[in-house]
Amino acid sequence: HERGARIYDGADEVHKSSLARRILERYGMKKVREE
């Protein structure tokens, strides 16, 4: 029942990607809107 913890409320990959983008933007990476 809890294997879904890494999927629901935002999959691991989504959280890691969004976190990394926010961090990189603080280092000067241009914000790019994904479709």
PDB file of all heavy atoms in Angstrom:
ATOM      1  N   HIS A   1       0.799  -1.226   0.000  1.00  0.00           N
ATOM      2  CA  HIS A   1       0.000   0.000   0.000  1.00  0.00           C
ATOM      3  C   HIS A   1       0.833   1.277   0.000  1.00  0.00           C
ATOM      4  O   HIS A   1       0.351   2.321  -0.467  1.00  0.00           O
ATOM      5  CB  HIS A   1      -0.950   0.007   1.205  1.00  0.00           C
ATOM      6  CG  HIS A   1      -2.089  -0.948   1.066  1.00  0.00           C
ATOM      7  ND1 HIS A   1      -3.334  -0.566   0.613  1.00  0.00           N
ATOM      8  CD2 HIS A   1      -2.180  -2.290   1.295  1.00  0.00           C
ATOM      9  CE1 HIS A   1      -4.133  -1.615   0.572  1.00  0.00           C
ATOM     10  NE2 HIS A   1      -3.461  -2.668   0.985  1.00  0.00           N
ATOM     11  N   GLU A   2       2.040   1.224   0.499  1.00  0.00           N
ATOM     12  CA  GLU A   2       2.838   2.443   0.626  1.00  0.00           C
ATOM     13  C   GLU A   2       3.919   2.582  -0.445  1.00  0.00           C
ATOM     14  O   GLU A   2       4.639   3.582  -0.448  1.00  0.00           O
ATOM     15  CB  GLU A   2       3.474   2.521   2.017  1.00  0.00           C
ATOM     16  CG  GLU A   2       2.477   2.566   3.156  1.00  0.00           C
ATOM     17  CD  GLU A   2       1.586   3.810   3.143  1.00  0.00           C
ATOM     18  OE1 GLU A   2       1.887   4.763   2.400  1.00  0.00           O
ATOM     19  OE2 GLU A   2       0.574   3.817   3.872  1.00  0.00           O
ATOM     20  N   ARG A   3       4.042   1.624  -1.348  1.00  0.00           N
ATOM     21  CA  ARG A   3       4.970   1.828  -2.464  1.00  0.00           C
ATOM     22  C   ARG A   3       4.556   3.058  -3.274  1.00  0.00           C
ATOM     23  O   ARG A   3       5.393   3.752  -3.873  1.00  0.00           O
ATOM     24  CB  ARG A   3       5.008   0.579  -3.368  1.00  0.00           C
ATOM     25  CG  ARG A   3       5.839   0.745  -4.641  1.00  0.00           C
ATOM     26  CD  ARG A   3       7.277   1.135  -4.328  1.00  0.00           C
ATOM     27  NE  ARG A   3       8.059   1.298  -5.545  1.00  0.00           N
ATOM     28  CZ  ARG A   3       8.078   2.398  -6.296  1.00  0.00           C
ATOM     29  NH1 ARG A   3       7.327   3.437  -5.950  1.00  0.00           N
ATOM     30  NH2 ARG A   3       8.838   2.472  -7.370  1.00  0.00           N
ATOM     31  N   GLY A   4       3.275   3.364  -3.242  1.00  0.00           N
ATOM     32  CA  GLY A   4       2.783   4.539  -3.940  1.00  0.00           C
ATOM     33  C   GLY A   4       3.266   5.847  -3.353  1.00  0.00           C
ATOM     34  O   GLY A   4       3.070   6.909  -3.955  1.00  0.00           O
ATOM     35  N   ALA A   5       3.922   5.809  -2.190  1.00  0.00           N
ATOM     36  CA  ALA A   5       4.431   7.036  -1.576  1.00  0.00           C
ATOM     37  C   ALA A   5       5.362   7.779  -2.517  1.00  0.00           C
ATOM     38  O   ALA A   5       5.452   9.014  -2.470  1.00  0.00           O
ATOM     39  CB  ALA A   5       5.159   6.713  -0.270  1.00  0.00           C
ATOM     40  N   ARG A   6       6.055   7.073  -3.377  1.00  0.00           N
ATOM     41  CA  ARG A   6       6.989   7.708  -4.303  1.00  0.00           C
ATOM     42  C   ARG A   6       6.300   8.178  -5.581  1.00  0.00           C
ATOM     43  O   ARG A   6       6.959   8.693  -6.488  1.00  0.00           O
ATOM     44  CB  ARG A   6       8.126   6.746  -4.640  1.00  0.00           C
ATOM     45  CG  ARG A   6       9.018   6.430  -3.438  1.00  0.00           C
ATOM     46  CD  ARG A   6      10.156   5.494  -3.808  1.00  0.00           C
ATOM     47  NE  ARG A   6      10.863   6.012  -4.972  1.00  0.00           N
ATOM     48  CZ  ARG A   6      11.465   5.242  -5.882  1.00  0.00           C
ATOM     49  NH1 ARG A   6      11.395   3.913  -5.771  1.00  0.00           N
ATOM     50  NH2 ARG A   6      12.109   5.776  -6.885  1.00  0.00           N
ATOM     51  N   ILE A   7       4.971   8.023  -5.633  1.00  0.00           N
ATOM     52  CA  ILE A   7       4.217   8.405  -6.824  1.00  0.00           C
ATOM     53  C   ILE A   7       3.171   9.461  -6.506  1.00  0.00           C
ATOM     54  O   ILE A   7       3.104  10.501  -7.159  1.00  0.00           O
ATOM     55  CB  ILE A   7       3.545   7.161  -7.452  1.00  0.00           C
ATOM     56  CG1 ILE A   7       4.607   6.150  -7.893  1.00  0.00           C
ATOM     57  CG2 ILE A   7       2.652   7.564  -8.625  1.00  0.00           C
ATOM     58  CD1 ILE A   7       4.054   4.812  -8.333  1.00  0.00           C
ATOM     59  N   TYR A   8       2.302   9.179  -5.507  1.00  0.00           N
ATOM     60  CA  TYR A   8       1.211  10.128  -5.272  1.00  0.00           C
ATOM     61  C   TYR A   8       1.702  11.418  -4.616  1.00  0.00           C
ATOM     62  O   TYR A   8       2.777  11.468  -4.041  1.00  0.00           O
ATOM     63  CB  TYR A   8       0.082   9.498  -4.462  1.00  0.00           C
ATOM     64  CG  TYR A   8       0.416   8.846  -3.142  1.00  0.00           C
ATOM     65  CD1 TYR A   8       0.879   9.576  -2.062  1.00  0.00           C
ATOM     66  CD2 TYR A   8       0.221   7.478  -2.963  1.00  0.00           C
ATOM     67  CE1 TYR A   8       1.135   8.986  -0.847  1.00  0.00           C
ATOM     68  CE2 TYR A   8       0.488   6.871  -1.749  1.00  0.00           C
ATOM     69  CZ  TYR A   8       0.942   7.626  -0.697  1.00  0.00           C
ATOM     70  OH  TYR A   8       1.198   7.015   0.511  1.00  0.00           O
ATOM     71  N   ASP A   9       0.885  12.462  -4.755  1.00  0.00           N
ATOM     72  CA  ASP A   9       1.236  13.812  -4.289  1.00  0.00           C
ATOM     73  C   ASP A   9       2.520  14.314  -4.934  1.00  0.00           C
ATOM     74  O   ASP A   9       3.293  15.054  -4.329  1.00  0.00           O
ATOM     75  CB  ASP A   9       1.374  13.853  -2.760  1.00  0.00           C
ATOM     76  CG  ASP A   9       0.036  14.089  -2.080  1.00  0.00           C
ATOM     77  OD1 ASP A   9      -0.984  14.045  -2.774  1.00  0.00           O
ATOM     78  OD2 ASP A   9       0.013  14.299  -0.856  1.00  0.00           O
ATOM     79  N   GLY A  10       2.755  13.906  -6.168  1.00  0.00           N
ATOM     80  CA  GLY A  10       3.948  14.315  -6.899  1.00  0.00           C
ATOM     81  C   GLY A  10       4.997  13.225  -6.871  1.00  0.00           C
ATOM     82  O   GLY A  10       5.521  12.874  -5.808  1.00  0.00           O
ATOM     83  N   ALA A  11       5.286  12.662  -8.032  1.00  0.00           N
ATOM     84  CA  ALA A  11       6.289  11.597  -8.120  1.00  0.00           C
ATOM     85  C   ALA A  11       7.667  12.129  -7.731  1.00  0.00           C
ATOM     86  O   ALA A  11       7.950  13.324  -7.847  1.00  0.00           O
ATOM     87  CB  ALA A  11       6.324  11.037  -9.537  1.00  0.00           C
ATOM     88  N   ASP A  12       8.536  11.226  -7.273  1.00  0.00           N
ATOM     89  CA  ASP A  12       9.899  11.610  -6.906  1.00  0.00           C
ATOM     90  C   ASP A  12      10.548  12.473  -7.984  1.00  0.00           C
ATOM     91  O   ASP A  12      11.171  13.500  -7.699  1.00  0.00           O
ATOM     92  CB  ASP A  12      10.764  10.359  -6.721  1.00  0.00           C
ATOM     93  CG  ASP A  12      10.472   9.618  -5.438  1.00  0.00           C
ATOM     94  OD1 ASP A  12       9.588  10.059  -4.672  1.00  0.00           O
ATOM     95  OD2 ASP A  12      11.129   8.586  -5.193  1.00  0.00           O
ATOM     96  N   GLU A  13      10.413  12.007  -9.235  1.00  0.00           N
ATOM     97  CA  GLU A  13      11.108  12.674 -10.337  1.00  0.00           C
ATOM     98  C   GLU A  13      10.648  14.121 -10.501  1.00  0.00           C
ATOM     99  O   GLU A  13      11.444  15.011 -10.820  1.00  0.00           O
ATOM    100  CB  GLU A  13      10.886  11.888 -11.631  1.00  0.00           C
ATOM    101  CG  GLU A  13      11.476  10.486 -11.637  1.00  0.00           C
ATOM    102  CD  GLU A  13      10.666   9.459 -10.845  1.00  0.00           C
ATOM    103  OE1 GLU A  13       9.523   9.781 -10.438  1.00  0.00           O
ATOM    104  OE2 GLU A  13      11.173   8.349 -10.628  1.00  0.00           O
ATOM    105  N   VAL A  14       9.351  14.365 -10.294  1.00  0.00           N
ATOM    106  CA  VAL A  14       8.804  15.713 -10.434  1.00  0.00           C
ATOM    107  C   VAL A  14       9.337  16.623  -9.325  1.00  0.00           C
ATOM    108  O   VAL A  14       9.763  17.761  -9.574  1.00  0.00           O
ATOM    109  CB  VAL A  14       7.263  15.680 -10.414  1.00  0.00           C
ATOM    110  CG1 VAL A  14       6.691  17.089 -10.428  1.00  0.00           C
ATOM    111  CG2 VAL A  14       6.736  14.879 -11.606  1.00  0.00           C
ATOM    112  N   HIS A  15       9.327  16.118  -8.085  1.00  0.00           N
ATOM    113  CA  HIS A  15       9.821  16.926  -6.978  1.00  0.00           C
ATOM    114  C   HIS A  15      11.314  17.219  -7.125  1.00  0.00           C
ATOM    115  O   HIS A  15      11.768  18.345  -6.874  1.00  0.00           O
ATOM    116  CB  HIS A  15       9.562  16.212  -5.650  1.00  0.00           C
ATOM    117  CG  HIS A  15       8.155  16.354  -5.164  1.00  0.00           C
ATOM    118  ND1 HIS A  15       7.646  17.530  -4.669  1.00  0.00           N
ATOM    119  CD2 HIS A  15       7.126  15.457  -5.113  1.00  0.00           C
ATOM    120  CE1 HIS A  15       6.380  17.366  -4.327  1.00  0.00           C
ATOM    121  NE2 HIS A  15       6.039  16.113  -4.587  1.00  0.00           N
ATOM    122  N   LYS A  16      12.083  16.212  -7.531  1.00  0.00           N
ATOM    123  CA  LYS A  16      13.525  16.429  -7.686  1.00  0.00           C
ATOM    124  C   LYS A  16      13.804  17.438  -8.796  1.00  0.00           C
ATOM    125  O   LYS A  16      14.668  18.315  -8.662  1.00  0.00           O
ATOM    126  CB  LYS A  16      14.221  15.103  -7.987  1.00  0.00           C
ATOM    127  CG  LYS A  16      14.271  14.158  -6.800  1.00  0.00           C
ATOM    128  CD  LYS A  16      14.982  12.860  -7.153  1.00  0.00           C
ATOM    129  CE  LYS A  16      15.054  11.922  -5.954  1.00  0.00           C
ATOM    130  NZ  LYS A  16      15.761  10.657  -6.271  1.00  0.00           N
ATOM    131  N   SER A  17      13.088  17.322  -9.899  1.00  0.00           N
ATOM    132  CA  SER A  17      13.301  18.221 -11.029  1.00  0.00           C
ATOM    133  C   SER A  17      12.937  19.660 -10.664  1.00  0.00           C
ATOM    134  O   SER A  17      13.694  20.602 -10.945  1.00  0.00           O
ATOM    135  CB  SER A  17      12.476  17.748 -12.233  1.00  0.00           C
ATOM    136  OG  SER A  17      12.654  18.619 -13.330  1.00  0.00           O
ATOM    137  N   SER A  18      11.769  19.836 -10.041  1.00  0.00           N
ATOM    138  CA  SER A  18      11.339  21.196  -9.697  1.00  0.00           C
ATOM    139  C   SER A  18      12.256  21.806  -8.641  1.00  0.00           C
ATOM    140  O   SER A  18      12.576  23.003  -8.700  1.00  0.00           O
ATOM    141  CB  SER A  18       9.887  21.180  -9.201  1.00  0.00           C
ATOM    142  OG  SER A  18       9.746  20.401  -8.037  1.00  0.00           O
ATOM    143  N   LEU A  19      12.709  21.001  -7.681  1.00  0.00           N
ATOM    144  CA  LEU A  19      13.632  21.495  -6.663  1.00  0.00           C
ATOM    145  C   LEU A  19      14.947  21.923  -7.302  1.00  0.00           C
ATOM    146  O   LEU A  19      15.469  23.015  -7.028  1.00  0.00           O
ATOM    147  CB  LEU A  19      13.881  20.410  -5.611  1.00  0.00           C
ATOM    148  CG  LEU A  19      14.964  20.706  -4.570  1.00  0.00           C
ATOM    149  CD1 LEU A  19      14.590  21.921  -3.726  1.00  0.00           C
ATOM    150  CD2 LEU A  19      15.202  19.479  -3.682  1.00  0.00           C
ATOM    151  N   ALA A  20      15.476  21.067  -8.176  1.00  0.00           N
ATOM    152  CA  ALA A  20      16.757  21.382  -8.818  1.00  0.00           C
ATOM    153  C   ALA A  20      16.654  22.637  -9.687  1.00  0.00           C
ATOM    154  O   ALA A  20      17.573  23.474  -9.702  1.00  0.00           O
ATOM    155  CB  ALA A  20      17.224  20.192  -9.657  1.00  0.00           C
ATOM    156  N   ARG A  21      15.536  22.805 -10.402  1.00  0.00           N
ATOM    157  CA  ARG A  21      15.365  23.994 -11.234  1.00  0.00           C
ATOM    158  C   ARG A  21      15.352  25.261 -10.389  1.00  0.00           C
ATOM    159  O   ARG A  21      15.978  26.262 -10.758  1.00  0.00           O
ATOM    160  CB  ARG A  21      14.065  23.899 -12.053  1.00  0.00           C
ATOM    161  CG  ARG A  21      14.139  22.963 -13.235  1.00  0.00           C
ATOM    162  CD  ARG A  21      13.043  23.291 -14.249  1.00  0.00           C
ATOM    163  NE  ARG A  21      11.720  23.351 -13.653  1.00  0.00           N
ATOM    164  CZ  ARG A  21      10.907  22.316 -13.528  1.00  0.00           C
ATOM    165  NH1 ARG A  21      11.284  21.114 -13.957  1.00  0.00           N
ATOM    166  NH2 ARG A  21       9.706  22.465 -12.979  1.00  0.00           N
ATOM    167  N   ARG A  22      14.650  25.234  -9.266  1.00  0.00           N
ATOM    168  CA  ARG A  22      14.601  26.416  -8.411  1.00  0.00           C
ATOM    169  C   ARG A  22      15.988  26.750  -7.864  1.00  0.00           C
ATOM    170  O   ARG A  22      16.369  27.916  -7.770  1.00  0.00           O
ATOM    171  CB  ARG A  22      13.607  26.213  -7.266  1.00  0.00           C
ATOM    172  CG  ARG A  22      12.152  26.201  -7.701  1.00  0.00           C
ATOM    173  CD  ARG A  22      11.210  26.357  -6.524  1.00  0.00           C
ATOM    174  NE  ARG A  22      11.307  25.278  -5.564  1.00  0.00           N
ATOM    175  CZ  ARG A  22      10.612  24.143  -5.620  1.00  0.00           C
ATOM    176  NH1 ARG A  22       9.761  23.948  -6.624  1.00  0.00           N
ATOM    177  NH2 ARG A  22      10.741  23.214  -4.686  1.00  0.00           N
ATOM    178  N   ILE A  23      16.734  25.713  -7.511  1.00  0.00           N
ATOM    179  CA  ILE A  23      18.095  25.941  -7.013  1.00  0.00           C
ATOM    180  C   ILE A  23      18.974  26.534  -8.108  1.00  0.00           C
ATOM    181  O   ILE A  23      19.698  27.517  -7.898  1.00  0.00           O
ATOM    182  CB  ILE A  23      18.693  24.621  -6.483  1.00  0.00           C
ATOM    183  CG1 ILE A  23      17.947  24.167  -5.216  1.00  0.00           C
ATOM    184  CG2 ILE A  23      20.184  24.784  -6.200  1.00  0.00           C
ATOM    185  CD1 ILE A  23      18.328  22.781  -4.728  1.00  0.00           C
ATOM    186  N   LEU A  24      18.906  25.957  -9.303  1.00  0.00           N
ATOM    187  CA  LEU A  24      19.750  26.430 -10.408  1.00  0.00           C
ATOM    188  C   LEU A  24      19.409  27.854 -10.833  1.00  0.00           C
ATOM    189  O   LEU A  24      20.287  28.615 -11.255  1.00  0.00           O
ATOM    190  CB  LEU A  24      19.622  25.478 -11.599  1.00  0.00           C
ATOM    191  CG  LEU A  24      20.289  24.104 -11.399  1.00  0.00           C
ATOM    192  CD1 LEU A  24      19.899  23.138 -12.514  1.00  0.00           C
ATOM    193  CD2 LEU A  24      21.810  24.249 -11.331  1.00  0.00           C
ATOM    194  N   GLU A  25      18.132  28.219 -10.720  1.00  0.00           N
ATOM    195  CA  GLU A  25      17.748  29.593 -11.063  1.00  0.00           C
ATOM    196  C   GLU A  25      18.419  30.599 -10.132  1.00  0.00           C
ATOM    197  O   GLU A  25      18.736  31.723 -10.538  1.00  0.00           O
ATOM    198  CB  GLU A  25      16.220  29.733 -11.006  1.00  0.00           C
ATOM    199  CG  GLU A  25      15.523  29.088 -12.198  1.00  0.00           C
ATOM    200  CD  GLU A  25      14.044  28.846 -11.966  1.00  0.00           C
ATOM    201  OE1 GLU A  25      13.514  29.374 -10.959  1.00  0.00           O
ATOM    202  OE2 GLU A  25      13.423  28.121 -12.766  1.00  0.00           O
ATOM    203  N   ARG A  26      18.669  30.191  -8.882  1.00  0.00           N
ATOM    204  CA  ARG A  26      19.377  31.076  -7.954  1.00  0.00           C
ATOM    205  C   ARG A  26      20.844  31.235  -8.343  1.00  0.00           C
ATOM    206  O   ARG A  26      21.517  32.161  -7.908  1.00  0.00           O
ATOM    207  CB  ARG A  26      19.264  30.531  -6.531  1.00  0.00           C
ATOM    208  CG  ARG A  26      17.845  30.513  -5.995  1.00  0.00           C
ATOM    209  CD  ARG A  26      17.757  29.809  -4.659  1.00  0.00           C
ATOM    210  NE  ARG A  26      16.388  29.371  -4.418  1.00  0.00           N
ATOM    211  CZ  ARG A  26      16.046  28.230  -3.843  1.00  0.00           C
ATOM    212  NH1 ARG A  26      16.994  27.408  -3.431  1.00  0.00           N
ATOM    213  NH2 ARG A  26      14.777  27.909  -3.663  1.00  0.00           N
ATOM    214  N   TYR A  27      21.331  30.297  -9.144  1.00  0.00           N
ATOM    215  CA  TYR A  27      22.710  30.369  -9.630  1.00  0.00           C
ATOM    216  C   TYR A  27      22.791  30.999 -11.018  1.00  0.00           C
ATOM    217  O   TYR A  27      23.829  30.952 -11.663  1.00  0.00           O
ATOM    218  CB  TYR A  27      23.334  28.971  -9.647  1.00  0.00           C
ATOM    219  CG  TYR A  27      23.743  28.487  -8.279  1.00  0.00           C
ATOM    220  CD1 TYR A  27      22.805  27.916  -7.414  1.00  0.00           C
ATOM    221  CD2 TYR A  27      25.050  28.612  -7.831  1.00  0.00           C
ATOM    222  CE1 TYR A  27      23.166  27.474  -6.146  1.00  0.00           C
ATOM    223  CE2 TYR A  27      25.430  28.174  -6.567  1.00  0.00           C
ATOM    224  CZ  TYR A  27      24.485  27.608  -5.729  1.00  0.00           C
ATOM    225  OH  TYR A  27      24.846  27.181  -4.469  1.00  0.00           O
ATOM    226  N   GLY A  28      21.664  31.546 -11.475  1.00  0.00           N
ATOM    227  CA  GLY A  28      21.689  32.288 -12.725  1.00  0.00           C
ATOM    228  C   GLY A  28      21.119  31.584 -13.931  1.00  0.00           C
ATOM    229  O   GLY A  28      21.080  32.172 -15.020  1.00  0.00           O
ATOM    230  N   MET A  29      20.680  30.324 -13.794  1.00  0.00           N
ATOM    231  CA  MET A  29      20.095  29.639 -14.947  1.00  0.00           C
ATOM    232  C   MET A  29      18.763  30.277 -15.297  1.00  0.00           C
ATOM    233  O   MET A  29      17.937  30.530 -14.420  1.00  0.00           O
ATOM    234  CB  MET A  29      19.898  28.153 -14.654  1.00  0.00           C
ATOM    235  CG  MET A  29      19.498  27.349 -15.892  1.00  0.00           C
ATOM    236  SD  MET A  29      19.324  25.561 -15.551  1.00  0.00           S
ATOM    237  CE  MET A  29      17.645  25.524 -14.910  1.00  0.00           C
ATOM    238  N   LYS A  30      18.569  30.560 -16.557  1.00  0.00           N
ATOM    239  CA  LYS A  30      17.341  31.199 -17.011  1.00  0.00           C
ATOM    240  C   LYS A  30      16.132  30.292 -16.791  1.00  0.00           C
ATOM    241  O   LYS A  30      16.192  29.096 -17.080  1.00  0.00           O
ATOM    242  CB  LYS A  30      17.442  31.564 -18.488  1.00  0.00           C
ATOM    243  CG  LYS A  30      16.251  32.349 -19.023  1.00  0.00           C
ATOM    244  CD  LYS A  30      16.434  32.710 -20.484  1.00  0.00           C
ATOM    245  CE  LYS A  30      15.235  33.469 -21.017  1.00  0.00           C
ATOM    246  NZ  LYS A  30      15.393  33.811 -22.468  1.00  0.00           N
ATOM    247  N   LYS A  31      15.062  30.879 -16.288  1.00  0.00           N
ATOM    248  CA  LYS A  31      13.837  30.108 -16.058  1.00  0.00           C
ATOM    249  C   LYS A  31      13.190  29.782 -17.389  1.00  0.00           C
ATOM    250  O   LYS A  31      12.966  30.662 -18.225  1.00  0.00           O
ATOM    251  CB  LYS A  31      12.867  30.901 -15.183  1.00  0.00           C
ATOM    252  CG  LYS A  31      11.643  30.126 -14.752  1.00  0.00           C
ATOM    253  CD  LYS A  31      10.814  30.928 -13.761  1.00  0.00           C
ATOM    254  CE  LYS A  31       9.639  30.128 -13.251  1.00  0.00           C
ATOM    255  NZ  LYS A  31       8.851  30.879 -12.221  1.00  0.00           N
ATOM    256  N   VAL A  32      12.919  28.511 -17.599  1.00  0.00           N
ATOM    257  CA  VAL A  32      12.301  28.048 -18.838  1.00  0.00           C
ATOM    258  C   VAL A  32      10.962  27.411 -18.498  1.00  0.00           C
ATOM    259  O   VAL A  32      10.890  26.504 -17.662  1.00  0.00           O
ATOM    260  CB  VAL A  32      13.191  27.028 -19.576  1.00  0.00           C
ATOM    261  CG1 VAL A  32      12.507  26.523 -20.833  1.00  0.00           C
ATOM    262  CG2 VAL A  32      14.540  27.655 -19.922  1.00  0.00           C
ATOM    263  N   ARG A  33       9.913  27.892 -19.134  1.00  0.00           N
ATOM    264  CA  ARG A  33       8.588  27.312 -18.889  1.00  0.00           C
ATOM    265  C   ARG A  33       8.411  26.068 -19.733  1.00  0.00           C
ATOM    266  O   ARG A  33       8.556  26.096 -20.952  1.00  0.00           O
ATOM    267  CB  ARG A  33       7.501  28.334 -19.253  1.00  0.00           C
ATOM    268  CG  ARG A  33       6.093  27.819 -18.945  1.00  0.00           C
ATOM    269  CD  ARG A  33       5.075  28.939 -19.080  1.00  0.00           C
ATOM    270  NE  ARG A  33       3.735  28.440 -18.830  1.00  0.00           N
ATOM    271  CZ  ARG A  33       2.670  29.219 -18.756  1.00  0.00           C
ATOM    272  NH1 ARG A  33       2.787  30.530 -18.918  1.00  0.00           N
ATOM    273  NH2 ARG A  33       1.483  28.705 -18.500  1.00  0.00           N
ATOM    274  N   GLU A  34       8.128  24.949 -19.064  1.00  0.00           N
ATOM    275  CA  GLU A  34       7.931  23.685 -19.751  1.00  0.00           C
ATOM    276  C   GLU A  34       6.480  23.547 -20.177  1.00  0.00           C
ATOM    277  O   GLU A  34       5.567  23.914 -19.447  1.00  0.00           O
ATOM    278  CB  GLU A  34       8.328  22.511 -18.866  1.00  0.00           C
ATOM    279  CG  GLU A  34       9.809  22.513 -18.550  1.00  0.00           C
ATOM    280  CD  GLU A  34      10.219  21.248 -17.821  1.00  0.00           C
ATOM    281  OE1 GLU A  34       9.332  20.389 -17.578  1.00  0.00           O
ATOM    282  OE2 GLU A  34      11.398  21.101 -17.508  1.00  0.00           O
ATOM    283  N   GLU A  35       6.271  22.988 -21.364  1.00  0.00           N
ATOM    284  CA  GLU A  35       4.900  22.769 -21.854  1.00  0.00           C
ATOM    285  C   GLU A  35       4.366  21.484 -21.295  1.00  0.00           C
ATOM    286  O   GLU A  35       5.094  20.538 -21.082  1.00  0.00           O
ATOM    287  CB  GLU A  35       4.896  22.715 -23.390  1.00  0.00           C
ATOM    288  CG  GLU A  35       5.361  24.031 -24.019  1.00  0.00           C
ATOM    289  CD  GLU A  35       4.460  25.207 -23.700  1.00  0.00           C
ATOM    290  OE1 GLU A  35       3.255  24.987 -23.492  1.00  0.00           O
ATOM    291  OE2 GLU A  35       4.960  26.337 -23.648  1.00  0.00           O
TER     292      GLU A  35
END
